[in-house]
Amino acid sequence: MKKIAAILMAGVIAFAFAACSASGTDDETTTERTTEAVITSVTVSVSDAASESNELTSAESKAGFISKSVNTDDSTVTYTISETDWEEYVDSLKKDITNCYGTLNNDKNIAGMIIATYSSDYTKTTVTVAADEFDTANIETIQSTYLKAMNNYQKWVGNTGATCTVVVEDEDGNTLS
């Protein structure tokens, strides 16, 4: 009886190997990609009290997010995204910050503005101004704009404990804010 079971088992295994090797290379590639996309997904939880639905928005879907789960107990949203799409999303956040600085640096409406720079980890912005031409009433607007952008980036990359700062200083390095 054991011999018959062993022979049947060997036949089943041989049949399974034959069936697997008969599939075309295109199917194997597709399966590998699908499996890889699932294995290399990134799950990110962010604080978002405004989000109430587990359905992805069109913008979230366009960005490559796979799923979304809202936790109303602690006002967090957990997203799943492929690793490749995640890297592209983080790069887009960096580009947004860079474009924001480019806009500020070219804004002729802020008198005395010389240049705005940021640290490579996106936690510090330094705005250099000509103190005799700069209206300090602009400090709050500059700080809120750049703190929002930097904090958003930190939130999405998981650095929720990061402290972001915006420093406005004159040409001699004296802090005005």
N, C-alpha and C. Protein backbone atom coordinates (compact mmCIF):
# COMPACT_ATOMS: atom_id res chain seq x y z
N MET A 1 0.81 -1.19 0.00
CA MET A 1 0.00 0.00 0.00
C MET A 1 0.87 1.26 0.00
N LYS A 2 1.95 1.27 0.79
CA LYS A 2 2.84 2.42 0.84
C LYS A 2 3.51 2.64 -0.50
N LYS A 3 3.83 1.55 -1.22
CA LYS A 3 4.47 1.69 -2.52
C LYS A 3 3.53 2.34 -3.52
N ILE A 4 2.27 1.96 -3.48
CA ILE A 4 1.29 2.53 -4.41
C ILE A 4 1.12 4.03 -4.11
N ALA A 5 1.05 4.40 -2.84
CA ALA A 5 0.92 5.81 -2.46
C ALA A 5 2.15 6.60 -2.92
N ALA A 6 3.33 6.02 -2.75
CA ALA A 6 4.56 6.69 -3.15
C ALA A 6 4.60 6.88 -4.66
N ILE A 7 4.15 5.85 -5.41
CA ILE A 7 4.14 5.95 -6.87
C ILE A 7 3.14 7.02 -7.31
N LEU A 8 1.96 7.03 -6.69
CA LEU A 8 0.96 8.05 -7.03
C LEU A 8 1.48 9.46 -6.71
N MET A 9 2.12 9.60 -5.56
CA MET A 9 2.67 10.90 -5.16
C MET A 9 3.75 11.35 -6.14
N ALA A 10 4.61 10.44 -6.55
CA ALA A 10 5.65 10.77 -7.52
C ALA A 10 5.02 11.21 -8.84
N GLY A 11 3.94 10.53 -9.24
CA GLY A 11 3.24 10.90 -10.47
C GLY A 11 2.65 12.29 -10.38
N VAL A 12 2.04 12.60 -9.26
CA VAL A 12 1.45 13.93 -9.06
C VAL A 12 2.53 15.00 -9.11
N ILE A 13 3.65 14.77 -8.45
CA ILE A 13 4.75 15.74 -8.44
C ILE A 13 5.31 15.92 -9.85
N ALA A 14 5.50 14.80 -10.58
CA ALA A 14 6.00 14.88 -11.95
C ALA A 14 5.03 15.67 -12.82
N PHE A 15 3.73 15.43 -12.66
CA PHE A 15 2.72 16.15 -13.43
C PHE A 15 2.76 17.65 -13.11
N ALA A 16 2.92 17.98 -11.85
CA ALA A 16 2.98 19.38 -11.44
C ALA A 16 4.19 20.08 -12.05
N PHE A 17 5.36 19.42 -12.01
CA PHE A 17 6.55 20.01 -12.62
C PHE A 17 6.36 20.20 -14.12
N ALA A 18 5.75 19.21 -14.78
CA ALA A 18 5.51 19.31 -16.22
C ALA A 18 4.58 20.46 -16.53
N ALA A 19 3.55 20.64 -15.74
CA ALA A 19 2.59 21.73 -15.96
C ALA A 19 3.26 23.08 -15.76
N CYS A 20 4.12 23.21 -14.78
CA CYS A 20 4.80 24.47 -14.52
C CYS A 20 5.76 24.81 -15.65
N SER A 21 6.49 23.85 -16.13
CA SER A 21 7.47 24.13 -17.18
C SER A 21 6.82 24.37 -18.51
N ALA A 22 5.55 24.01 -18.69
CA ALA A 22 4.86 24.20 -19.95
C ALA A 22 4.40 25.63 -20.14
N SER A 23 4.32 26.43 -19.08
CA SER A 23 3.84 27.81 -19.24
C SER A 23 4.87 28.65 -19.95
N GLY A 24 4.41 29.68 -20.67
CA GLY A 24 5.31 30.53 -21.45
C GLY A 24 6.08 31.49 -20.56
N THR A 25 7.11 32.09 -21.13
CA THR A 25 7.95 33.00 -20.35
C THR A 25 7.22 34.29 -20.01
N ASP A 26 6.28 34.72 -20.86
CA ASP A 26 5.55 35.95 -20.57
C ASP A 26 4.76 35.82 -19.27
N ASP A 27 4.11 34.65 -19.07
CA ASP A 27 3.33 34.44 -17.84
C ASP A 27 4.23 34.45 -16.63
N GLU A 28 5.41 33.84 -16.74
CA GLU A 28 6.34 33.81 -15.60
C GLU A 28 6.77 35.22 -15.23
N THR A 29 7.06 36.04 -16.23
CA THR A 29 7.48 37.41 -15.97
C THR A 29 6.36 38.19 -15.29
N THR A 30 5.15 38.05 -15.78
CA THR A 30 4.01 38.74 -15.19
C THR A 30 3.82 38.31 -13.74
N THR A 31 3.91 37.01 -13.49
CA THR A 31 3.76 36.50 -12.14
C THR A 31 4.85 37.05 -11.23
N GLU A 32 6.09 37.06 -11.73
CA GLU A 32 7.18 37.60 -10.92
C GLU A 32 6.94 39.06 -10.59
N ARG A 33 6.53 39.83 -11.57
CA ARG A 33 6.30 41.26 -11.32
C ARG A 33 5.18 41.46 -10.32
N THR A 34 4.11 40.70 -10.47
CA THR A 34 2.99 40.82 -9.55
C THR A 34 3.43 40.46 -8.14
N THR A 35 4.15 39.34 -8.02
CA THR A 35 4.62 38.91 -6.71
C THR A 35 5.58 39.94 -6.14
N GLU A 36 6.48 40.45 -6.96
CA GLU A 36 7.45 41.44 -6.48
C GLU A 36 6.73 42.69 -6.01
N ALA A 37 5.72 43.15 -6.73
CA ALA A 37 5.00 44.36 -6.33
C ALA A 37 4.33 44.18 -4.98
N VAL A 38 3.83 42.99 -4.71
CA VAL A 38 3.18 42.74 -3.43
C VAL A 38 4.23 42.65 -2.32
N ILE A 39 5.31 41.96 -2.59
CA ILE A 39 6.34 41.76 -1.57
C ILE A 39 7.03 43.08 -1.22
N THR A 40 7.24 43.94 -2.19
CA THR A 40 7.98 45.17 -1.93
C THR A 40 7.06 46.37 -1.71
N SER A 41 5.89 46.12 -1.14
CA SER A 41 5.00 47.25 -0.86
C SER A 41 5.45 47.96 0.41
N VAL A 42 5.07 49.21 0.51
CA VAL A 42 5.40 50.04 1.65
C VAL A 42 4.09 50.41 2.34
N THR A 43 4.04 50.29 3.65
CA THR A 43 2.86 50.68 4.40
C THR A 43 3.24 51.88 5.25
N VAL A 44 2.46 52.95 5.11
CA VAL A 44 2.75 54.20 5.81
C VAL A 44 1.50 54.63 6.57
N SER A 45 1.65 54.94 7.85
CA SER A 45 0.55 55.48 8.63
C SER A 45 0.84 56.95 8.92
N VAL A 46 -0.13 57.79 8.61
CA VAL A 46 0.04 59.22 8.83
C VAL A 46 -1.16 59.76 9.60
N SER A 47 -0.93 60.83 10.33
CA SER A 47 -2.01 61.49 11.05
C SER A 47 -2.81 62.31 10.06
N ASP A 48 -4.11 62.07 10.01
CA ASP A 48 -4.96 62.79 9.07
C ASP A 48 -6.39 62.77 9.59
N ALA A 49 -6.71 63.71 10.42
CA ALA A 49 -8.04 63.76 11.02
C ALA A 49 -9.13 64.07 10.00
N ALA A 50 -8.77 64.64 8.85
CA ALA A 50 -9.76 65.03 7.85
C ALA A 50 -10.25 63.84 7.02
N SER A 51 -9.47 62.78 6.95
CA SER A 51 -9.84 61.64 6.10
C SER A 51 -10.83 60.74 6.83
N GLU A 52 -11.96 60.48 6.18
CA GLU A 52 -13.00 59.66 6.81
C GLU A 52 -13.31 58.39 6.03
N SER A 53 -12.86 58.30 4.78
CA SER A 53 -13.22 57.18 3.92
C SER A 53 -12.04 56.26 3.66
N ASN A 54 -12.34 54.95 3.59
CA ASN A 54 -11.31 53.97 3.24
C ASN A 54 -11.09 53.92 1.73
N GLU A 55 -11.90 54.65 0.97
CA GLU A 55 -11.75 54.68 -0.49
C GLU A 55 -10.63 55.64 -0.86
N LEU A 56 -9.79 55.22 -1.80
CA LEU A 56 -8.73 56.10 -2.29
C LEU A 56 -9.34 57.22 -3.12
N THR A 57 -8.78 58.42 -2.95
CA THR A 57 -9.20 59.53 -3.81
C THR A 57 -8.55 59.34 -5.18
N SER A 58 -8.99 60.08 -6.17
CA SER A 58 -8.39 59.95 -7.49
C SER A 58 -6.92 60.37 -7.46
N ALA A 59 -6.59 61.38 -6.66
CA ALA A 59 -5.19 61.81 -6.54
C ALA A 59 -4.34 60.73 -5.89
N GLU A 60 -4.88 60.06 -4.87
CA GLU A 60 -4.13 58.98 -4.21
C GLU A 60 -3.92 57.80 -5.17
N SER A 61 -4.96 57.47 -5.92
CA SER A 61 -4.84 56.38 -6.90
C SER A 61 -3.82 56.75 -7.97
N LYS A 62 -3.87 57.98 -8.44
CA LYS A 62 -2.94 58.45 -9.47
C LYS A 62 -1.50 58.39 -8.96
N ALA A 63 -1.30 58.66 -7.67
CA ALA A 63 0.04 58.61 -7.08
C ALA A 63 0.54 57.18 -6.90
N GLY A 64 -0.34 56.19 -7.09
CA GLY A 64 0.08 54.80 -7.01
C GLY A 64 -0.30 54.08 -5.73
N PHE A 65 -1.07 54.73 -4.86
CA PHE A 65 -1.47 54.06 -3.63
C PHE A 65 -2.39 52.89 -3.96
N ILE A 66 -2.18 51.76 -3.27
CA ILE A 66 -2.92 50.53 -3.52
C ILE A 66 -4.16 50.45 -2.64
N SER A 67 -3.99 50.80 -1.37
CA SER A 67 -5.12 50.73 -0.45
C SER A 67 -4.97 51.78 0.63
N LYS A 68 -6.08 51.98 1.35
CA LYS A 68 -6.13 53.01 2.39
C LYS A 68 -7.05 52.50 3.48
N SER A 69 -6.64 52.69 4.73
CA SER A 69 -7.45 52.25 5.86
C SER A 69 -7.45 53.36 6.91
N VAL A 70 -8.63 53.87 7.22
CA VAL A 70 -8.77 54.95 8.20
C VAL A 70 -9.02 54.36 9.58
N ASN A 71 -8.25 54.82 10.57
CA ASN A 71 -8.44 54.43 11.95
C ASN A 71 -9.01 55.64 12.68
N THR A 72 -10.30 55.62 12.95
CA THR A 72 -10.94 56.78 13.59
C THR A 72 -10.58 56.91 15.06
N ASP A 73 -10.06 55.83 15.66
CA ASP A 73 -9.69 55.90 17.08
C ASP A 73 -8.53 56.86 17.32
N ASP A 74 -7.54 56.82 16.43
CA ASP A 74 -6.37 57.69 16.64
C ASP A 74 -6.15 58.68 15.49
N SER A 75 -7.13 58.80 14.59
CA SER A 75 -7.07 59.74 13.45
C SER A 75 -5.85 59.51 12.57
N THR A 76 -5.54 58.24 12.32
CA THR A 76 -4.46 57.93 11.39
C THR A 76 -5.03 57.25 10.16
N VAL A 77 -4.29 57.34 9.08
CA VAL A 77 -4.63 56.67 7.85
C VAL A 77 -3.43 55.83 7.46
N THR A 78 -3.68 54.56 7.16
CA THR A 78 -2.60 53.68 6.72
C THR A 78 -2.76 53.43 5.23
N TYR A 79 -1.70 53.73 4.49
CA TYR A 79 -1.68 53.55 3.04
C TYR A 79 -0.74 52.41 2.68
N THR A 80 -1.05 51.72 1.59
CA THR A 80 -0.14 50.73 1.02
C THR A 80 0.16 51.18 -0.40
N ILE A 81 1.44 51.10 -0.77
CA ILE A 81 1.89 51.54 -2.08
C ILE A 81 3.09 50.69 -2.46
N SER A 82 3.30 50.46 -3.75
CA SER A 82 4.47 49.68 -4.16
C SER A 82 5.72 50.48 -3.86
N GLU A 83 6.83 49.80 -3.69
CA GLU A 83 8.08 50.48 -3.35
C GLU A 83 8.48 51.47 -4.44
N THR A 84 8.31 51.08 -5.69
CA THR A 84 8.67 51.96 -6.80
C THR A 84 7.80 53.21 -6.80
N ASP A 85 6.48 53.03 -6.65
CA ASP A 85 5.59 54.19 -6.60
C ASP A 85 5.88 55.05 -5.38
N TRP A 86 6.26 54.42 -4.27
CA TRP A 86 6.59 55.16 -3.04
C TRP A 86 7.80 56.07 -3.28
N GLU A 87 8.83 55.51 -3.91
CA GLU A 87 10.03 56.30 -4.20
C GLU A 87 9.69 57.47 -5.12
N GLU A 88 8.83 57.23 -6.11
CA GLU A 88 8.41 58.30 -7.01
C GLU A 88 7.60 59.36 -6.25
N TYR A 89 6.75 58.92 -5.31
CA TYR A 89 5.94 59.86 -4.54
C TYR A 89 6.83 60.75 -3.66
N VAL A 90 7.80 60.15 -2.99
CA VAL A 90 8.72 60.92 -2.15
C VAL A 90 9.53 61.89 -3.01
N ASP A 91 9.97 61.43 -4.19
CA ASP A 91 10.68 62.33 -5.10
C ASP A 91 9.80 63.50 -5.52
N SER A 92 8.50 63.24 -5.73
CA SER A 92 7.60 64.33 -6.11
C SER A 92 7.46 65.35 -4.97
N LEU A 93 7.46 64.87 -3.73
CA LEU A 93 7.41 65.80 -2.59
C LEU A 93 8.67 66.66 -2.55
N LYS A 94 9.82 66.04 -2.82
CA LYS A 94 11.07 66.80 -2.85
C LYS A 94 11.04 67.84 -3.96
N LYS A 95 10.52 67.46 -5.13
CA LYS A 95 10.42 68.41 -6.24
C LYS A 95 9.49 69.56 -5.89
N ASP A 96 8.39 69.26 -5.19
CA ASP A 96 7.46 70.31 -4.77
C ASP A 96 8.16 71.31 -3.86
N ILE A 97 8.97 70.80 -2.93
CA ILE A 97 9.70 71.69 -2.02
C ILE A 97 10.69 72.53 -2.81
N THR A 98 11.43 71.89 -3.71
CA THR A 98 12.41 72.62 -4.53
C THR A 98 11.72 73.70 -5.35
N ASN A 99 10.59 73.37 -5.97
CA ASN A 99 9.84 74.36 -6.76
C ASN A 99 9.34 75.50 -5.89
N CYS A 100 8.92 75.17 -4.67
CA CYS A 100 8.44 76.18 -3.74
C CYS A 100 9.56 77.17 -3.41
N TYR A 101 10.75 76.65 -3.21
CA TYR A 101 11.89 77.53 -2.92
C TYR A 101 12.25 78.36 -4.14
N GLY A 102 12.17 77.75 -5.31
CA GLY A 102 12.44 78.50 -6.54
C GLY A 102 11.49 79.65 -6.71
N THR A 103 10.20 79.40 -6.39
CA THR A 103 9.19 80.46 -6.48
C THR A 103 9.49 81.57 -5.49
N LEU A 104 9.83 81.20 -4.26
CA LEU A 104 10.15 82.21 -3.25
C LEU A 104 11.38 83.01 -3.66
N ASN A 105 12.40 82.32 -4.14
CA ASN A 105 13.63 83.02 -4.51
C ASN A 105 13.41 83.98 -5.68
N ASN A 106 12.40 83.73 -6.49
CA ASN A 106 12.12 84.60 -7.64
C ASN A 106 10.97 85.57 -7.37
N ASP A 107 10.45 85.59 -6.16
CA ASP A 107 9.31 86.45 -5.83
C ASP A 107 9.80 87.87 -5.59
N LYS A 108 9.47 88.73 -6.51
CA LYS A 108 9.90 90.14 -6.41
C LYS A 108 8.97 90.93 -5.49
N ASN A 109 7.88 90.31 -5.02
CA ASN A 109 6.94 91.00 -4.13
C ASN A 109 7.42 91.03 -2.69
N ILE A 110 8.45 90.25 -2.37
CA ILE A 110 8.98 90.25 -1.01
C ILE A 110 10.25 91.10 -1.04
N ALA A 111 10.09 92.34 -0.65
CA ALA A 111 11.21 93.28 -0.68
C ALA A 111 12.31 92.82 0.27
N GLY A 112 13.53 92.86 -0.20
CA GLY A 112 14.67 92.51 0.64
C GLY A 112 15.02 91.03 0.63
N MET A 113 14.23 90.24 -0.02
CA MET A 113 14.49 88.80 -0.09
C MET A 113 15.74 88.56 -0.92
N ILE A 114 16.70 87.82 -0.35
CA ILE A 114 17.93 87.50 -1.09
C ILE A 114 17.88 86.06 -1.57
N ILE A 115 17.77 85.11 -0.64
CA ILE A 115 17.72 83.70 -1.03
C ILE A 115 17.15 82.85 0.11
N ALA A 116 16.49 81.77 -0.28
CA ALA A 116 16.01 80.77 0.69
C ALA A 116 16.69 79.46 0.36
N THR A 117 17.24 78.82 1.38
CA THR A 117 17.91 77.52 1.19
C THR A 117 17.34 76.54 2.21
N TYR A 118 17.56 75.26 1.98
CA TYR A 118 17.06 74.24 2.90
C TYR A 118 18.10 73.16 3.09
N SER A 119 18.00 72.48 4.23
CA SER A 119 18.94 71.40 4.54
C SER A 119 18.60 70.16 3.72
N SER A 120 19.57 69.29 3.53
CA SER A 120 19.37 68.09 2.70
C SER A 120 18.34 67.13 3.29
N ASP A 121 18.08 67.22 4.60
CA ASP A 121 17.07 66.34 5.21
C ASP A 121 15.71 67.05 5.33
N TYR A 122 15.60 68.23 4.75
CA TYR A 122 14.35 68.99 4.70
C TYR A 122 13.79 69.31 6.09
N THR A 123 14.67 69.63 7.02
CA THR A 123 14.21 70.01 8.36
C THR A 123 14.48 71.48 8.67
N LYS A 124 15.33 72.13 7.88
CA LYS A 124 15.66 73.52 8.19
C LYS A 124 15.67 74.36 6.92
N THR A 125 15.01 75.49 7.02
CA THR A 125 15.04 76.49 5.95
C THR A 125 15.71 77.73 6.50
N THR A 126 16.61 78.27 5.71
CA THR A 126 17.25 79.53 6.08
C THR A 126 16.92 80.55 4.99
N VAL A 127 16.29 81.63 5.40
CA VAL A 127 15.93 82.70 4.47
C VAL A 127 16.83 83.89 4.79
N THR A 128 17.61 84.29 3.80
CA THR A 128 18.51 85.43 3.99
C THR A 128 17.89 86.65 3.32
N VAL A 129 17.84 87.74 4.08
CA VAL A 129 17.21 88.97 3.59
C VAL A 129 18.12 90.17 3.84
N ALA A 130 17.85 91.22 3.10
CA ALA A 130 18.52 92.50 3.36
C ALA A 130 17.69 93.20 4.43
N ALA A 131 18.23 93.27 5.63
CA ALA A 131 17.47 93.74 6.79
C ALA A 131 16.88 95.14 6.58
N ASP A 132 17.60 96.00 5.90
CA ASP A 132 17.11 97.37 5.72
C ASP A 132 15.95 97.46 4.71
N GLU A 133 15.74 96.42 3.89
CA GLU A 133 14.66 96.43 2.89
C GLU A 133 13.53 95.46 3.23
N PHE A 134 13.78 94.52 4.11
CA PHE A 134 12.83 93.44 4.37
C PHE A 134 11.77 93.86 5.38
N ASP A 135 10.52 93.57 5.08
CA ASP A 135 9.40 93.85 5.98
C ASP A 135 9.21 92.61 6.87
N THR A 136 9.44 92.76 8.16
CA THR A 136 9.35 91.61 9.08
C THR A 136 7.94 91.03 9.15
N ALA A 137 6.95 91.73 8.63
CA ALA A 137 5.59 91.18 8.59
C ALA A 137 5.52 89.95 7.68
N ASN A 138 6.49 89.80 6.78
CA ASN A 138 6.53 88.64 5.88
C ASN A 138 7.07 87.38 6.55
N ILE A 139 7.68 87.51 7.73
CA ILE A 139 8.28 86.36 8.40
C ILE A 139 7.26 85.27 8.66
N GLU A 140 6.10 85.63 9.18
CA GLU A 140 5.08 84.63 9.52
C GLU A 140 4.61 83.87 8.28
N THR A 141 4.41 84.59 7.18
CA THR A 141 3.98 83.94 5.94
C THR A 141 5.04 82.98 5.44
N ILE A 142 6.28 83.42 5.44
CA ILE A 142 7.39 82.57 4.99
C ILE A 142 7.49 81.33 5.88
N GLN A 143 7.43 81.53 7.18
CA GLN A 143 7.55 80.39 8.10
C GLN A 143 6.42 79.39 7.92
N SER A 144 5.19 79.88 7.83
CA SER A 144 4.07 78.95 7.72
C SER A 144 4.11 78.17 6.41
N THR A 145 4.49 78.82 5.33
CA THR A 145 4.57 78.14 4.03
C THR A 145 5.60 77.03 4.05
N TYR A 146 6.78 77.32 4.52
CA TYR A 146 7.85 76.33 4.47
C TYR A 146 7.75 75.28 5.57
N LEU A 147 7.24 75.65 6.72
CA LEU A 147 7.02 74.64 7.76
C LEU A 147 5.98 73.62 7.29
N LYS A 148 4.95 74.10 6.62
CA LYS A 148 3.92 73.18 6.12
C LYS A 148 4.52 72.20 5.12
N ALA A 149 5.30 72.69 4.18
CA ALA A 149 5.91 71.82 3.16
C ALA A 149 6.89 70.83 3.79
N MET A 150 7.73 71.30 4.70
CA MET A 150 8.73 70.41 5.32
C MET A 150 8.07 69.39 6.24
N ASN A 151 7.08 69.83 7.02
CA ASN A 151 6.38 68.90 7.91
C ASN A 151 5.61 67.84 7.12
N ASN A 152 5.04 68.23 5.98
CA ASN A 152 4.34 67.27 5.13
C ASN A 152 5.32 66.21 4.62
N TYR A 153 6.48 66.64 4.18
CA TYR A 153 7.50 65.69 3.71
C TYR A 153 7.89 64.75 4.85
N GLN A 154 8.18 65.29 6.02
CA GLN A 154 8.60 64.47 7.16
C GLN A 154 7.52 63.46 7.54
N LYS A 155 6.27 63.88 7.48
CA LYS A 155 5.14 63.00 7.81
C LYS A 155 5.14 61.80 6.87
N TRP A 156 5.31 62.04 5.57
CA TRP A 156 5.21 60.96 4.59
C TRP A 156 6.41 60.03 4.61
N VAL A 157 7.57 60.51 5.04
CA VAL A 157 8.73 59.61 5.10
C VAL A 157 8.90 58.98 6.48
N GLY A 158 7.96 59.25 7.39
CA GLY A 158 7.96 58.59 8.68
C GLY A 158 8.75 59.27 9.77
N ASN A 159 9.22 60.49 9.53
CA ASN A 159 9.98 61.23 10.54
C ASN A 159 9.05 62.15 11.33
N THR A 160 8.05 61.56 11.96
CA THR A 160 7.06 62.37 12.65
C THR A 160 7.64 63.13 13.84
N GLY A 161 8.76 62.70 14.35
CA GLY A 161 9.39 63.40 15.48
C GLY A 161 10.36 64.48 15.05
N ALA A 162 10.53 64.66 13.74
CA ALA A 162 11.48 65.65 13.24
C ALA A 162 11.01 67.06 13.58
N THR A 163 11.95 67.90 13.96
CA THR A 163 11.64 69.29 14.24
C THR A 163 12.07 70.12 13.04
N CYS A 164 11.11 70.76 12.41
CA CYS A 164 11.40 71.60 11.25
C CYS A 164 11.43 73.06 11.69
N THR A 165 12.40 73.79 11.18
CA THR A 165 12.54 75.19 11.56
C THR A 165 12.75 76.05 10.32
N VAL A 166 12.28 77.28 10.43
CA VAL A 166 12.51 78.29 9.40
C VAL A 166 13.17 79.47 10.10
N VAL A 167 14.36 79.80 9.66
CA VAL A 167 15.11 80.90 10.26
C VAL A 167 15.25 82.01 9.21
N VAL A 168 14.86 83.22 9.60
CA VAL A 168 15.05 84.38 8.74
C VAL A 168 16.22 85.16 9.34
N GLU A 169 17.22 85.38 8.50
CA GLU A 169 18.41 86.10 8.99
C GLU A 169 18.85 87.15 7.99
N ASP A 170 19.62 88.11 8.51
CA ASP A 170 20.14 89.15 7.62
C ASP A 170 21.43 88.65 6.97
N GLU A 171 22.00 89.51 6.14
CA GLU A 171 23.21 89.11 5.39
C GLU A 171 24.39 88.81 6.29
N ASP A 172 24.39 89.31 7.52
CA ASP A 172 25.48 89.04 8.46
C ASP A 172 25.24 87.81 9.32
N GLY A 173 24.11 87.12 9.09
CA GLY A 173 23.78 85.91 9.87
C GLY A 173 23.04 86.18 11.15
N ASN A 174 22.61 87.40 11.38
CA ASN A 174 21.82 87.72 12.57
C ASN A 174 20.38 87.27 12.37
N THR A 175 19.87 86.52 13.32
CA THR A 175 18.51 85.99 13.22
C THR A 175 17.48 87.08 13.44
N LEU A 176 16.50 87.13 12.53
CA LEU A 176 15.42 88.11 12.64
C LEU A 176 14.13 87.44 13.13
N SER A 177 14.07 86.11 13.07
CA SER A 177 12.84 85.42 13.48
C SER A 177 13.08 84.55 14.69
